[in-house]
Protein backbone atom coordinates (compact mmCIF):
# COMPACT_ATOMS: atom_id res chain seq x y z
CA MET A 1 -11.42 -11.19 -7.44
CA PHE A 2 -11.18 -14.97 -7.16
CA ASN A 3 -14.65 -15.43 -8.65
CA SER A 4 -13.57 -13.63 -11.82
CA LEU A 5 -10.50 -15.88 -12.08
CA LEU A 6 -12.52 -19.01 -11.47
CA SER A 7 -15.09 -18.03 -14.06
CA GLN A 8 -12.36 -18.02 -16.72
CA LEU A 9 -11.42 -21.66 -16.07
CA PRO A 10 -12.85 -24.27 -18.43
CA ALA A 11 -15.76 -26.33 -17.21
CA PRO A 12 -14.77 -29.68 -15.67
CA ALA A 13 -15.27 -32.88 -17.64
CA GLU A 14 -18.50 -34.76 -17.03
CA ASP A 15 -16.61 -37.78 -15.73
CA PRO A 16 -13.61 -36.56 -13.69
CA ALA A 17 -12.06 -40.04 -13.72
CA SER A 18 -11.95 -40.11 -17.51
CA SER A 19 -9.87 -36.93 -17.67
CA LEU A 20 -7.32 -38.55 -15.35
CA GLY A 21 -7.02 -41.71 -17.41
CA GLY A 22 -8.90 -43.87 -14.92
CA GLY A 23 -12.30 -43.77 -16.65
CA THR A 24 -13.84 -45.94 -19.29
CA THR A 25 -11.86 -44.40 -22.15
CA PRO A 26 -8.74 -46.50 -22.85
CA ALA A 27 -5.40 -44.90 -23.59
CA THR A 28 -4.69 -44.48 -27.28
CA LEU A 29 -1.59 -44.19 -29.41
CA GLU A 30 -2.45 -40.54 -30.12
CA GLY A 31 -1.52 -39.89 -26.50
CA LEU A 32 1.94 -41.31 -27.18
CA GLU A 33 2.35 -38.91 -30.10
CA THR A 34 1.51 -35.97 -27.84
CA VAL A 35 3.84 -37.11 -25.07
CA PHE A 36 6.73 -37.73 -27.47
CA SER A 37 6.24 -34.35 -29.14
CA GLY A 38 6.19 -32.60 -25.76
CA VAL A 39 9.31 -34.38 -24.54
CA VAL A 40 11.28 -33.57 -27.71
CA SER A 41 10.21 -29.92 -27.59
CA ALA A 42 11.16 -29.64 -23.94
CA LEU A 43 14.56 -31.30 -24.48
CA LEU A 44 15.40 -29.04 -27.43
CA GLY A 45 14.42 -25.99 -25.42
CA LEU A 46 16.51 -27.09 -22.46
CA ALA A 47 19.46 -27.83 -24.73
CA GLY A 48 19.25 -24.35 -26.21
CA ILE A 49 19.10 -22.76 -22.78
CA ALA A 50 22.00 -24.89 -21.52
CA LEU A 51 24.16 -23.96 -24.52
CA PHE A 52 23.36 -20.27 -24.06
CA VAL A 53 24.28 -20.47 -20.36
CA MET A 54 27.51 -22.27 -21.24
CA LEU A 55 28.40 -19.50 -23.70
CA ILE A 56 27.78 -16.87 -21.02
CA ILE A 57 29.80 -18.78 -18.40
CA GLY A 58 32.66 -19.45 -20.82
CA GLY A 59 32.79 -15.82 -21.94
CA PHE A 60 32.72 -14.54 -18.38
CA SER A 61 35.42 -17.01 -17.33
CA TYR A 62 37.59 -15.99 -20.27
CA MET A 63 37.22 -12.29 -19.49
CA THR A 64 38.06 -12.78 -15.82
CA ALA A 65 40.93 -15.25 -16.39
CA GLY A 66 43.46 -12.44 -16.43
CA ALA A 67 47.01 -13.75 -16.71
CA ASP A 68 46.14 -17.27 -15.54
CA PRO A 69 46.71 -19.52 -18.58
CA LYS A 70 44.92 -22.52 -16.99
CA ARG A 71 41.70 -20.55 -16.44
CA ALA A 72 41.91 -19.05 -19.92
CA GLU A 73 42.37 -22.50 -21.47
CA SER A 74 39.46 -23.89 -19.46
CA ALA A 75 37.25 -21.00 -20.58
CA LYS A 76 38.27 -21.56 -24.21
CA LYS A 77 37.30 -25.22 -23.91
CA THR A 78 33.92 -24.26 -22.43
CA LEU A 79 33.28 -21.86 -25.31
CA THR A 80 34.45 -24.43 -27.86
CA TYR A 81 32.18 -27.16 -26.48
CA ALA A 82 29.19 -24.81 -26.32
CA ILE A 83 29.70 -23.75 -29.93
CA MET A 84 30.19 -27.38 -30.98
CA GLY A 85 26.89 -28.22 -29.28
CA ILE A 86 25.06 -25.48 -31.16
CA VAL A 87 26.60 -26.63 -34.43
CA PHE A 88 25.75 -30.27 -33.68
CA ILE A 89 22.08 -29.52 -32.94
CA SER A 90 21.84 -27.31 -36.04
CA LEU A 91 23.43 -29.94 -38.27
CA ALA A 92 21.13 -32.64 -36.92
CA PHE A 93 18.09 -30.53 -37.76
CA LEU A 94 19.53 -29.70 -41.18
CA PHE A 95 20.18 -33.39 -41.82
CA LEU A 96 16.54 -34.21 -41.00
CA GLN A 97 15.37 -31.42 -43.31
CA ILE A 98 17.53 -32.78 -46.14
CA ILE A 99 16.10 -36.26 -45.63
CA SER A 100 12.60 -34.77 -45.64
CA TYR A 101 13.32 -32.84 -48.84
CA PHE A 102 14.71 -35.78 -50.80
CA THR A 103 12.30 -38.47 -49.60
CA GLY A 104 9.14 -36.39 -49.26
CA VAL A 105 8.54 -37.85 -45.80
CA ASP A 106 8.26 -35.42 -42.92
CA VAL A 107 10.74 -36.93 -40.46
CA THR A 108 10.60 -33.97 -38.07
CA THR A 109 7.16 -34.90 -36.72
CA PHE A 110 6.30 -38.03 -34.79
CA GLU A 111 3.12 -39.62 -36.08
CA ILE A 112 1.85 -43.13 -35.63
CA VAL A 113 0.43 -44.20 -38.99
CA GLY A 114 -2.68 -46.30 -39.14
CA THR A 115 -4.33 -45.15 -35.94
CA PRO A 116 -8.11 -44.91 -36.20
CA THR A 117 -9.56 -41.45 -35.91
CA PRO A 118 -12.88 -41.01 -34.11
C-alpha cells in the first residue's frame, strides 16, 4: 500500500540543498512574485471565509435574540459589518478592474518587469 503511494511522488531533485534554497542557485525575483501571489490569494480566501462566518454568526444571533433589544442590535451590527466587508472587497476588485480597463495595464497580477528569463 505504501509502495504504491510512494511511487506516485515526484522524483527528488538531484541536489537536495538547491531545492531548499541552500544550494548554488541564488534566489530570484520570480520567487517574490510567487510568494506575493500566494499570500494575496490566501488572504482573499480567508477574508471570504471570515465574512461568511460573520454572516452566519450574525444571523444566528439575530434569530436567537428574542425580545432582548441589546442582543438584536448587536446582531444587526454584526450583519451590517459583514455585508460592508463584502461590499468593500467587491468594490476594491471592481476599482482595480476599471483601472485595468482604462489604462490597459493588468493591475490585478503582481509581476516584476525586467527580470531575465532563463
